[in-house]
Amino acid sequence: MNQNLEIMLNTLAEQFPLLDSIESKVENIKERIFLIQKTIANRPQPGGRGSKPKSKPQIITKDNRSGIDDLRSKLVPKAKSLPFNEKDMEGKDADAELKRALDKAFKSI
């Protein structure tokens, strides 16, 4: 029966360029679609008796949190180093150290 359907499909395909009216072309295409659907319906479907069930794809469980944390750590801006020593700021000469740091910063601008 499959060969008959293929022969019919081939004859309809050969007739198509010779058709003049749009209605006959549409009818030809509809008939070819119907025949193709028949050939597909006649094919044996997988999963019948005696067939092995498809193996389920193995799900790789990756800890998404660690990946997200890695990305987050890359996106967080790094702390800028201060042009002065914080320990010096605790001492008595904090004003002098601040002035020196400001002068150094203005020179680099």
PDB file of N, CA and C in Angstrom:
ATOM      1  N   MET A   1       0.828  -1.201   0.000  1.00  0.00           N
ATOM      2  CA  MET A   1       0.000   0.000   0.000  1.00  0.00           C
ATOM      3  C   MET A   1       0.868   1.259   0.000  1.00  0.00           C
ATOM      4  N   ASN A   2       2.000   1.173   0.616  1.00  0.00           N
ATOM      5  CA  ASN A   2       2.907   2.313   0.652  1.00  0.00           C
ATOM      6  C   ASN A   2       3.398   2.668  -0.744  1.00  0.00           C
ATOM      7  N   GLN A   3       3.660   1.678  -1.548  1.00  0.00           N
ATOM      8  CA  GLN A   3       4.126   1.936  -2.911  1.00  0.00           C
ATOM      9  C   GLN A   3       3.037   2.613  -3.733  1.00  0.00           C
ATOM     10  N   ASN A   4       1.786   2.216  -3.520  1.00  0.00           N
ATOM     11  CA  ASN A   4       0.679   2.850  -4.236  1.00  0.00           C
ATOM     12  C   ASN A   4       0.577   4.327  -3.877  1.00  0.00           C
ATOM     13  N   LEU A   5       0.738   4.626  -2.601  1.00  0.00           N
ATOM     14  CA  LEU A   5       0.665   6.022  -2.164  1.00  0.00           C
ATOM     15  C   LEU A   5       1.816   6.828  -2.766  1.00  0.00           C
ATOM     16  N   GLU A   6       2.999   6.229  -2.824  1.00  0.00           N
ATOM     17  CA  GLU A   6       4.143   6.933  -3.402  1.00  0.00           C
ATOM     18  C   GLU A   6       3.942   7.183  -4.895  1.00  0.00           C
ATOM     19  N   ILE A   7       3.357   6.206  -5.587  1.00  0.00           N
ATOM     20  CA  ILE A   7       3.081   6.375  -7.018  1.00  0.00           C
ATOM     21  C   ILE A   7       2.066   7.493  -7.230  1.00  0.00           C
ATOM     22  N   MET A   8       1.035   7.511  -6.370  1.00  0.00           N
ATOM     23  CA  MET A   8       0.011   8.566  -6.482  1.00  0.00           C
ATOM     24  C   MET A   8       0.625   9.939  -6.201  1.00  0.00           C
ATOM     25  N   LEU A   9       1.503  10.004  -5.207  1.00  0.00           N
ATOM     26  CA  LEU A   9       2.169  11.272  -4.884  1.00  0.00           C
ATOM     27  C   LEU A   9       3.024  11.753  -6.051  1.00  0.00           C
ATOM     28  N   ASN A  10       3.742  10.842  -6.658  1.00  0.00           N
ATOM     29  CA  ASN A  10       4.589  11.216  -7.798  1.00  0.00           C
ATOM     30  C   ASN A  10       3.760  11.704  -8.984  1.00  0.00           C
ATOM     31  N   THR A  11       2.639  11.039  -9.263  1.00  0.00           N
ATOM     32  CA  THR A  11       1.806  11.478 -10.392  1.00  0.00           C
ATOM     33  C   THR A  11       1.198  12.841 -10.121  1.00  0.00           C
ATOM     34  N   LEU A  12       0.772  13.073  -8.881  1.00  0.00           N
ATOM     35  CA  LEU A  12       0.222  14.394  -8.538  1.00  0.00           C
ATOM     36  C   LEU A  12       1.300  15.474  -8.645  1.00  0.00           C
ATOM     37  N   ALA A  13       2.519  15.146  -8.241  1.00  0.00           N
ATOM     38  CA  ALA A  13       3.613  16.109  -8.327  1.00  0.00           C
ATOM     39  C   ALA A  13       3.948  16.426  -9.779  1.00  0.00           C
ATOM     40  N   GLU A  14       3.865  15.411 -10.635  1.00  0.00           N
ATOM     41  CA  GLU A  14       4.151  15.639 -12.059  1.00  0.00           C
ATOM     42  C   GLU A  14       3.043  16.444 -12.727  1.00  0.00           C
ATOM     43  N   GLN A  15       1.810  16.279 -12.268  1.00  0.00           N
ATOM     44  CA  GLN A  15       0.679  16.995 -12.859  1.00  0.00           C
ATOM     45  C   GLN A  15       0.634  18.459 -12.440  1.00  0.00           C
ATOM     46  N   PHE A  16       1.213  18.780 -11.303  1.00  0.00           N
ATOM     47  CA  PHE A  16       1.096  20.124 -10.749  1.00  0.00           C
ATOM     48  C   PHE A  16       1.540  21.229 -11.705  1.00  0.00           C
ATOM     49  N   PRO A  17       2.714  21.149 -12.334  1.00  0.00           N
ATOM     50  CA  PRO A  17       3.127  22.258 -13.224  1.00  0.00           C
ATOM     51  C   PRO A  17       2.221  22.412 -14.456  1.00  0.00           C
ATOM     52  N   LEU A  18       1.494  21.356 -14.808  1.00  0.00           N
ATOM     53  CA  LEU A  18       0.637  21.415 -15.989  1.00  0.00           C
ATOM     54  C   LEU A  18      -0.737  22.013 -15.710  1.00  0.00           C
ATOM     55  N   LEU A  19      -1.073  22.164 -14.430  1.00  0.00           N
ATOM     56  CA  LEU A  19      -2.392  22.693 -14.071  1.00  0.00           C
ATOM     57  C   LEU A  19      -2.452  24.195 -14.328  1.00  0.00           C
ATOM     58  N   ASP A  20      -3.648  24.658 -14.777  1.00  0.00           N
ATOM     59  CA  ASP A  20      -3.797  26.070 -15.127  1.00  0.00           C
ATOM     60  C   ASP A  20      -4.492  26.878 -14.029  1.00  0.00           C
ATOM     61  N   SER A  21      -5.576  26.378 -13.505  1.00  0.00           N
ATOM     62  CA  SER A  21      -6.359  27.169 -12.554  1.00  0.00           C
ATOM     63  C   SER A  21      -5.809  27.011 -11.138  1.00  0.00           C
ATOM     64  N   ILE A  22      -6.052  28.041 -10.379  1.00  0.00           N
ATOM     65  CA  ILE A  22      -5.590  28.047  -8.986  1.00  0.00           C
ATOM     66  C   ILE A  22      -6.332  26.985  -8.187  1.00  0.00           C
ATOM     67  N   GLU A  23      -7.616  26.830  -8.463  1.00  0.00           N
ATOM     68  CA  GLU A  23      -8.412  25.846  -7.723  1.00  0.00           C
ATOM     69  C   GLU A  23      -7.866  24.435  -7.917  1.00  0.00           C
ATOM     70  N   SER A  24      -7.483  24.102  -9.130  1.00  0.00           N
ATOM     71  CA  SER A  24      -6.956  22.763  -9.388  1.00  0.00           C
ATOM     72  C   SER A  24      -5.582  22.584  -8.727  1.00  0.00           C
ATOM     73  N   LYS A  25      -4.788  23.650  -8.668  1.00  0.00           N
ATOM     74  CA  LYS A  25      -3.491  23.566  -7.986  1.00  0.00           C
ATOM     75  C   LYS A  25      -3.681  23.360  -6.494  1.00  0.00           C
ATOM     76  N   VAL A  26      -4.654  24.090  -5.928  1.00  0.00           N
ATOM     77  CA  VAL A  26      -4.941  23.951  -4.498  1.00  0.00           C
ATOM     78  C   VAL A  26      -5.438  22.539  -4.215  1.00  0.00           C
ATOM     79  N   GLU A  27      -6.299  22.028  -5.046  1.00  0.00           N
ATOM     80  CA  GLU A  27      -6.819  20.675  -4.878  1.00  0.00           C
ATOM     81  C   GLU A  27      -5.701  19.643  -4.973  1.00  0.00           C
ATOM     82  N   ASN A  28      -4.776  19.864  -5.896  1.00  0.00           N
ATOM     83  CA  ASN A  28      -3.630  18.969  -6.059  1.00  0.00           C
ATOM     84  C   ASN A  28      -2.775  18.955  -4.790  1.00  0.00           C
ATOM     85  N   ILE A  29      -2.513  20.124  -4.241  1.00  0.00           N
ATOM     86  CA  ILE A  29      -1.694  20.232  -3.026  1.00  0.00           C
ATOM     87  C   ILE A  29      -2.407  19.577  -1.849  1.00  0.00           C
ATOM     88  N   LYS A  30      -3.720  19.805  -1.728  1.00  0.00           N
ATOM     89  CA  LYS A  30      -4.484  19.198  -0.637  1.00  0.00           C
ATOM     90  C   LYS A  30      -4.435  17.679  -0.720  1.00  0.00           C
ATOM     91  N   GLU A  31      -4.569  17.154  -1.913  1.00  0.00           N
ATOM     92  CA  GLU A  31      -4.540  15.704  -2.101  1.00  0.00           C
ATOM     93  C   GLU A  31      -3.163  15.146  -1.740  1.00  0.00           C
ATOM     94  N   ARG A  32      -2.102  15.866  -2.110  1.00  0.00           N
ATOM     95  CA  ARG A  32      -0.748  15.415  -1.787  1.00  0.00           C
ATOM     96  C   ARG A  32      -0.506  15.442  -0.284  1.00  0.00           C
ATOM     97  N   ILE A  33      -1.012  16.470   0.386  1.00  0.00           N
ATOM     98  CA  ILE A  33      -0.881  16.541   1.849  1.00  0.00           C
ATOM     99  C   ILE A  33      -1.606  15.373   2.493  1.00  0.00           C
ATOM    100  N   PHE A  34      -2.816  15.072   2.017  1.00  0.00           N
ATOM    101  CA  PHE A  34      -3.601  13.965   2.557  1.00  0.00           C
ATOM    102  C   PHE A  34      -2.858  12.641   2.377  1.00  0.00           C
ATOM    103  N   LEU A  35      -2.252  12.428   1.215  1.00  0.00           N
ATOM    104  CA  LEU A  35      -1.529  11.184   0.960  1.00  0.00           C
ATOM    105  C   LEU A  35      -0.271  11.077   1.830  1.00  0.00           C
ATOM    106  N   ILE A  36       0.401  12.190   2.042  1.00  0.00           N
ATOM    107  CA  ILE A  36       1.589  12.182   2.908  1.00  0.00           C
ATOM    108  C   ILE A  36       1.191  11.854   4.339  1.00  0.00           C
ATOM    109  N   GLN A  37       0.061  12.413   4.790  1.00  0.00           N
ATOM    110  CA  GLN A  37      -0.414  12.109   6.133  1.00  0.00           C
ATOM    111  C   GLN A  37      -0.743  10.628   6.265  1.00  0.00           C
ATOM    112  N   LYS A  38      -1.287  10.039   5.211  1.00  0.00           N
ATOM    113  CA  LYS A  38      -1.589   8.611   5.232  1.00  0.00           C
ATOM    114  C   LYS A  38      -0.316   7.783   5.347  1.00  0.00           C
ATOM    115  N   THR A  39       0.720   8.174   4.607  1.00  0.00           N
ATOM    116  CA  THR A  39       1.967   7.408   4.679  1.00  0.00           C
ATOM    117  C   THR A  39       2.597   7.511   6.062  1.00  0.00           C
ATOM    118  N   ILE A  40       2.472   8.664   6.673  1.00  0.00           N
ATOM    119  CA  ILE A  40       3.016   8.833   8.023  1.00  0.00           C
ATOM    120  C   ILE A  40       2.218   8.005   9.019  1.00  0.00           C
ATOM    121  N   ALA A  41       0.902   7.971   8.875  1.00  0.00           N
ATOM    122  CA  ALA A  41       0.049   7.225   9.798  1.00  0.00           C
ATOM    123  C   ALA A  41       0.288   5.725   9.684  1.00  0.00           C
ATOM    124  N   ASN A  42       0.701   5.240   8.522  1.00  0.00           N
ATOM    125  CA  ASN A  42       0.909   3.812   8.331  1.00  0.00           C
ATOM    126  C   ASN A  42       2.249   3.325   8.865  1.00  0.00           C
ATOM    127  N   ARG A  43       3.143   4.210   9.189  1.00  0.00           N
ATOM    128  CA  ARG A  43       4.447   3.794   9.716  1.00  0.00           C
ATOM    129  C   ARG A  43       4.271   3.269  11.135  1.00  0.00           C
ATOM    130  N   PRO A  44       5.009   2.225  11.504  1.00  0.00           N
ATOM    131  CA  PRO A  44       4.917   1.717  12.878  1.00  0.00           C
ATOM    132  C   PRO A  44       5.509   2.732  13.860  1.00  0.00           C
ATOM    133  N   GLN A  45       4.807   2.922  14.929  1.00  0.00           N
ATOM    134  CA  GLN A  45       5.236   3.884  15.932  1.00  0.00           C
ATOM    135  C   GLN A  45       6.160   3.205  16.935  1.00  0.00           C
ATOM    136  N   PRO A  46       7.190   3.879  17.396  1.00  0.00           N
ATOM    137  CA  PRO A  46       8.062   3.289  18.410  1.00  0.00           C
ATOM    138  C   PRO A  46       7.309   3.176  19.732  1.00  0.00           C
ATOM    139  N   GLY A  47       7.712   2.223  20.533  1.00  0.00           N
ATOM    140  CA  GLY A  47       7.084   2.075  21.841  1.00  0.00           C
ATOM    141  C   GLY A  47       6.046   0.976  21.875  1.00  0.00           C
ATOM    142  N   GLY A  48       6.004   0.124  20.851  1.00  0.00           N
ATOM    143  CA  GLY A  48       5.055  -0.984  20.841  1.00  0.00           C
ATOM    144  C   GLY A  48       5.548  -2.120  21.711  1.00  0.00           C
ATOM    145  N   ARG A  49       4.923  -3.268  21.566  1.00  0.00           N
ATOM    146  CA  ARG A  49       5.314  -4.437  22.345  1.00  0.00           C
ATOM    147  C   ARG A  49       6.741  -4.844  22.016  1.00  0.00           C
ATOM    148  N   GLY A  50       7.471  -5.199  23.054  1.00  0.00           N
ATOM    149  CA  GLY A  50       8.826  -5.687  22.864  1.00  0.00           C
ATOM    150  C   GLY A  50       9.862  -4.599  22.679  1.00  0.00           C
ATOM    151  N   SER A  51       9.446  -3.388  22.613  1.00  0.00           N
ATOM    152  CA  SER A  51      10.435  -2.323  22.454  1.00  0.00           C
ATOM    153  C   SER A  51      10.952  -1.908  23.824  1.00  0.00           C
ATOM    154  N   LYS A  52      12.172  -1.498  23.834  1.00  0.00           N
ATOM    155  CA  LYS A  52      12.775  -1.070  25.088  1.00  0.00           C
ATOM    156  C   LYS A  52      12.384   0.373  25.360  1.00  0.00           C
ATOM    157  N   PRO A  53      12.063   0.690  26.601  1.00  0.00           N
ATOM    158  CA  PRO A  53      11.723   2.086  26.904  1.00  0.00           C
ATOM    159  C   PRO A  53      12.951   2.962  26.737  1.00  0.00           C
ATOM    160  N   LYS A  54      12.706   4.162  26.305  1.00  0.00           N
ATOM    161  CA  LYS A  54      13.801   5.106  26.128  1.00  0.00           C
ATOM    162  C   LYS A  54      14.388   5.440  27.485  1.00  0.00           C
ATOM    163  N   SER A  55      15.691   5.517  27.515  1.00  0.00           N
ATOM    164  CA  SER A  55      16.336   5.874  28.770  1.00  0.00           C
ATOM    165  C   SER A  55      16.148   7.367  29.000  1.00  0.00           C
ATOM    166  N   LYS A  56      15.864   7.682  30.231  1.00  0.00           N
ATOM    167  CA  LYS A  56      15.677   9.089  30.570  1.00  0.00           C
ATOM    168  C   LYS A  56      17.030   9.776  30.577  1.00  0.00           C
ATOM    169  N   PRO A  57      17.089  10.984  30.080  1.00  0.00           N
ATOM    170  CA  PRO A  57      18.372  11.683  30.104  1.00  0.00           C
ATOM    171  C   PRO A  57      18.791  11.952  31.543  1.00  0.00           C
ATOM    172  N   GLN A  58      20.047  11.749  31.791  1.00  0.00           N
ATOM    173  CA  GLN A  58      20.544  11.976  33.135  1.00  0.00           C
ATOM    174  C   GLN A  58      20.600  13.472  33.404  1.00  0.00           C
ATOM    175  N   ILE A  59      20.000  13.827  34.495  1.00  0.00           N
ATOM    176  CA  ILE A  59      19.979  15.237  34.875  1.00  0.00           C
ATOM    177  C   ILE A  59      21.224  15.517  35.699  1.00  0.00           C
ATOM    178  N   ILE A  60      21.998  16.430  35.218  1.00  0.00           N
ATOM    179  CA  ILE A  60      23.216  16.798  35.926  1.00  0.00           C
ATOM    180  C   ILE A  60      22.836  17.870  36.937  1.00  0.00           C
ATOM    181  N   THR A  61      22.937  17.504  38.196  1.00  0.00           N
ATOM    182  CA  THR A  61      22.591  18.466  39.239  1.00  0.00           C
ATOM    183  C   THR A  61      23.854  19.200  39.644  1.00  0.00           C
ATOM    184  N   LYS A  62      23.914  20.414  39.248  1.00  0.00           N
ATOM    185  CA  LYS A  62      25.047  21.262  39.576  1.00  0.00           C
ATOM    186  C   LYS A  62      24.570  22.272  40.592  1.00  0.00           C
ATOM    187  N   ASP A  63      25.382  22.515  41.540  1.00  0.00           N
ATOM    188  CA  ASP A  63      25.007  23.475  42.551  1.00  0.00           C
ATOM    189  C   ASP A  63      24.998  24.865  41.927  1.00  0.00           C
ATOM    190  N   ASN A  64      23.803  25.355  41.662  1.00  0.00           N
ATOM    191  CA  ASN A  64      23.675  26.647  40.999  1.00  0.00           C
ATOM    192  C   ASN A  64      24.111  27.799  41.894  1.00  0.00           C
ATOM    193  N   ARG A  65      23.965  27.602  43.168  1.00  0.00           N
ATOM    194  CA  ARG A  65      24.329  28.689  44.076  1.00  0.00           C
ATOM    195  C   ARG A  65      25.817  29.009  43.996  1.00  0.00           C
ATOM    196  N   SER A  66      26.634  27.966  43.894  1.00  0.00           N
ATOM    197  CA  SER A  66      28.076  28.233  43.840  1.00  0.00           C
ATOM    198  C   SER A  66      28.430  28.969  42.549  1.00  0.00           C
ATOM    199  N   GLY A  67      27.764  28.606  41.454  1.00  0.00           N
ATOM    200  CA  GLY A  67      28.007  29.309  40.199  1.00  0.00           C
ATOM    201  C   GLY A  67      27.566  30.756  40.267  1.00  0.00           C
ATOM    202  N   ILE A  68      26.426  30.975  40.893  1.00  0.00           N
ATOM    203  CA  ILE A  68      25.915  32.343  41.038  1.00  0.00           C
ATOM    204  C   ILE A  68      26.829  33.149  41.956  1.00  0.00           C
ATOM    205  N   ASP A  69      27.308  32.505  43.024  1.00  0.00           N
ATOM    206  CA  ASP A  69      28.218  33.211  43.933  1.00  0.00           C
ATOM    207  C   ASP A  69      29.516  33.586  43.233  1.00  0.00           C
ATOM    208  N   ASP A  70      30.009  32.688  42.364  1.00  0.00           N
ATOM    209  CA  ASP A  70      31.223  33.012  41.607  1.00  0.00           C
ATOM    210  C   ASP A  70      31.000  34.226  40.720  1.00  0.00           C
ATOM    211  N   LEU A  71      29.864  34.243  40.013  1.00  0.00           N
ATOM    212  CA  LEU A  71      29.565  35.387  39.149  1.00  0.00           C
ATOM    213  C   LEU A  71      29.401  36.666  39.960  1.00  0.00           C
ATOM    214  N   ARG A  72      28.731  36.550  41.086  1.00  0.00           N
ATOM    215  CA  ARG A  72      28.505  37.729  41.920  1.00  0.00           C
ATOM    216  C   ARG A  72      29.831  38.292  42.420  1.00  0.00           C
ATOM    217  N   SER A  73      30.753  37.395  42.808  1.00  0.00           N
ATOM    218  CA  SER A  73      32.047  37.874  43.302  1.00  0.00           C
ATOM    219  C   SER A  73      32.840  38.559  42.199  1.00  0.00           C
ATOM    220  N   LYS A  74      32.634  38.123  40.945  1.00  0.00           N
ATOM    221  CA  LYS A  74      33.320  38.777  39.836  1.00  0.00           C
ATOM    222  C   LYS A  74      32.724  40.144  39.523  1.00  0.00           C
ATOM    223  N   LEU A  75      31.421  40.303  39.785  1.00  0.00           N
ATOM    224  CA  LEU A  75      30.758  41.561  39.458  1.00  0.00           C
ATOM    225  C   LEU A  75      30.903  42.631  40.534  1.00  0.00           C
ATOM    226  N   VAL A  76      31.148  42.215  41.769  1.00  0.00           N
ATOM    227  CA  VAL A  76      31.277  43.176  42.859  1.00  0.00           C
ATOM    228  C   VAL A  76      32.572  43.958  42.654  1.00  0.00           C
ATOM    229  N   PRO A  77      32.474  45.283  42.686  1.00  0.00           N
ATOM    230  CA  PRO A  77      33.696  46.076  42.473  1.00  0.00           C
ATOM    231  C   PRO A  77      34.679  45.872  43.627  1.00  0.00           C
ATOM    232  N   LYS A  78      35.947  45.858  43.278  1.00  0.00           N
ATOM    233  CA  LYS A  78      36.977  45.685  44.293  1.00  0.00           C
ATOM    234  C   LYS A  78      37.162  46.989  45.054  1.00  0.00           C
ATOM    235  N   ALA A  79      37.494  46.851  46.316  1.00  0.00           N
ATOM    236  CA  ALA A  79      37.692  48.031  47.156  1.00  0.00           C
ATOM    237  C   ALA A  79      38.955  48.760  46.706  1.00  0.00           C
ATOM    238  N   LYS A  80      38.833  50.051  46.558  1.00  0.00           N
ATOM    239  CA  LYS A  80      39.978  50.847  46.128  1.00  0.00           C
ATOM    240  C   LYS A  80      40.895  51.075  47.316  1.00  0.00           C
ATOM    241  N   SER A  81      42.160  51.032  47.046  1.00  0.00           N
ATOM    242  CA  SER A  81      43.111  51.290  48.121  1.00  0.00           C
ATOM    243  C   SER A  81      43.150  52.798  48.396  1.00  0.00           C
ATOM    244  N   LEU A  82      43.253  53.119  49.631  1.00  0.00           N
ATOM    245  CA  LEU A  82      43.272  54.532  50.032  1.00  0.00           C
ATOM    246  C   LEU A  82      44.674  55.089  49.843  1.00  0.00           C
ATOM    247  N   PRO A  83      44.776  56.372  49.493  1.00  0.00           N
ATOM    248  CA  PRO A  83      46.109  56.958  49.299  1.00  0.00           C
ATOM    249  C   PRO A  83      46.809  57.262  50.606  1.00  0.00           C
ATOM    250  N   PHE A  84      46.230  56.852  51.708  1.00  0.00           N
ATOM    251  CA  PHE A  84      46.869  57.087  52.997  1.00  0.00           C
ATOM    252  C   PHE A  84      46.720  55.842  53.853  1.00  0.00           C
ATOM    253  N   ASN A  85      47.502  55.739  54.849  1.00  0.00           N
ATOM    254  CA  ASN A  85      47.485  54.602  55.743  1.00  0.00           C
ATOM    255  C   ASN A  85      46.470  54.851  56.845  1.00  0.00           C
ATOM    256  N   GLU A  86      45.562  53.918  57.067  1.00  0.00           N
ATOM    257  CA  GLU A  86      44.512  54.125  58.068  1.00  0.00           C
ATOM    258  C   GLU A  86      45.074  54.135  59.486  1.00  0.00           C
ATOM    259  N   LYS A  87      46.144  53.418  59.701  1.00  0.00           N
ATOM    260  CA  LYS A  87      46.736  53.388  61.040  1.00  0.00           C
ATOM    261  C   LYS A  87      47.290  54.763  61.410  1.00  0.00           C
ATOM    262  N   ASP A  88      47.792  55.466  60.401  1.00  0.00           N
ATOM    263  CA  ASP A  88      48.308  56.813  60.662  1.00  0.00           C
ATOM    264  C   ASP A  88      47.187  57.767  61.032  1.00  0.00           C
ATOM    265  N   MET A  89      46.004  57.513  60.531  1.00  0.00           N
ATOM    266  CA  MET A  89      44.874  58.404  60.820  1.00  0.00           C
ATOM    267  C   MET A  89      44.464  58.302  62.286  1.00  0.00           C
ATOM    268  N   GLU A  90      44.738  57.162  62.902  1.00  0.00           N
ATOM    269  CA  GLU A  90      44.377  57.003  64.305  1.00  0.00           C
ATOM    270  C   GLU A  90      45.325  57.782  65.224  1.00  0.00           C
ATOM    271  N   GLY A  91      46.481  58.061  64.713  1.00  0.00           N
ATOM    272  CA  GLY A  91      47.494  58.724  65.539  1.00  0.00           C
ATOM    273  C   GLY A  91      47.271  60.218  65.656  1.00  0.00           C
ATOM    274  N   LYS A  92      48.281  60.902  66.208  1.00  0.00           N
ATOM    275  CA  LYS A  92      48.191  62.325  66.468  1.00  0.00           C
ATOM    276  C   LYS A  92      48.297  63.157  65.201  1.00  0.00           C
ATOM    277  N   ASP A  93      49.089  62.741  64.245  1.00  0.00           N
ATOM    278  CA  ASP A  93      49.303  63.559  63.061  1.00  0.00           C
ATOM    279  C   ASP A  93      48.350  63.176  61.926  1.00  0.00           C
ATOM    280  N   ALA A  94      47.081  63.048  62.237  1.00  0.00           N
ATOM    281  CA  ALA A  94      46.076  62.696  61.223  1.00  0.00           C
ATOM    282  C   ALA A  94      45.899  63.838  60.230  1.00  0.00           C
ATOM    283  N   ASP A  95      45.944  65.062  60.709  1.00  0.00           N
ATOM    284  CA  ASP A  95      45.768  66.204  59.815  1.00  0.00           C
ATOM    285  C   ASP A  95      46.913  66.293  58.813  1.00  0.00           C
ATOM    286  N   ALA A  96      48.120  66.072  59.246  1.00  0.00           N
ATOM    287  CA  ALA A  96      49.273  66.139  58.360  1.00  0.00           C
ATOM    288  C   ALA A  96      49.208  65.010  57.323  1.00  0.00           C
ATOM    289  N   GLU A  97      48.814  63.827  57.771  1.00  0.00           N
ATOM    290  CA  GLU A  97      48.697  62.691  56.846  1.00  0.00           C
ATOM    291  C   GLU A  97      47.593  62.939  55.826  1.00  0.00           C
ATOM    292  N   LEU A  98      46.477  63.527  56.264  1.00  0.00           N
ATOM    293  CA  LEU A  98      45.378  63.844  55.346  1.00  0.00           C
ATOM    294  C   LEU A  98      45.823  64.874  54.317  1.00  0.00           C
ATOM    295  N   LYS A  99      46.569  65.879  54.758  1.00  0.00           N
ATOM    296  CA  LYS A  99      47.055  66.888  53.827  1.00  0.00           C
ATOM    297  C   LYS A  99      48.007  66.263  52.811  1.00  0.00           C
ATOM    298  N   ARG A 100      48.895  65.378  53.269  1.00  0.00           N
ATOM    299  CA  ARG A 100      49.822  64.716  52.372  1.00  0.00           C
ATOM    300  C   ARG A 100      49.070  63.847  51.362  1.00  0.00           C
ATOM    301  N   ALA A 101      48.046  63.153  51.806  1.00  0.00           N
ATOM    302  CA  ALA A 101      47.271  62.286  50.915  1.00  0.00           C
ATOM    303  C   ALA A 101      46.507  63.116  49.886  1.00  0.00           C
ATOM    304  N   LEU A 102      45.948  64.250  50.313  1.00  0.00           N
ATOM    305  CA  LEU A 102      45.232  65.116  49.378  1.00  0.00           C
ATOM    306  C   LEU A 102      46.178  65.716  48.348  1.00  0.00           C
ATOM    307  N   ASP A 103      47.339  66.128  48.776  1.00  0.00           N
ATOM    308  CA  ASP A 103      48.327  66.671  47.843  1.00  0.00           C
ATOM    309  C   ASP A 103      48.746  65.616  46.822  1.00  0.00           C
ATOM    310  N   LYS A 104      48.950  64.404  47.311  1.00  0.00           N
ATOM    311  CA  LYS A 104      49.327  63.302  46.417  1.00  0.00           C
ATOM    312  C   LYS A 104      48.217  63.020  45.411  1.00  0.00           C
ATOM    313  N   ALA A 105      46.965  63.072  45.852  1.00  0.00           N
ATOM    314  CA  ALA A 105      45.825  62.808  44.962  1.00  0.00           C
ATOM    315  C   ALA A 105      45.673  63.915  43.923  1.00  0.00           C
ATOM    316  N   PHE A 106      45.864  65.138  44.328  1.00  0.00           N
ATOM    317  CA  PHE A 106      45.743  66.261  43.387  1.00  0.00           C
ATOM    318  C   PHE A 106      46.870  66.254  42.362  1.00  0.00           C
ATOM    319  N   LYS A 107      48.041  65.801  42.731  1.00  0.00           N
ATOM    320  CA  LYS A 107      49.142  65.725  41.790  1.00  0.00           C
ATOM    321  C   LYS A 107      48.874  64.676  40.711  1.00  0.00           C
ATOM    322  N   SER A 108      48.191  63.599  41.094  1.00  0.00           N
ATOM    323  CA  SER A 108      47.923  62.535  40.123  1.00  0.00           C
ATOM    324  C   SER A 108      46.798  62.913  39.151  1.00  0.00           C
ATOM    325  N   ILE A 109      46.051  63.928  39.479  1.00  0.00           N
ATOM    326  CA  ILE A 109      44.959  64.369  38.584  1.00  0.00           C
ATOM    327  C   ILE A 109      45.481  65.190  37.520  1.00  0.00           C
TER     328      ILE A 109
END
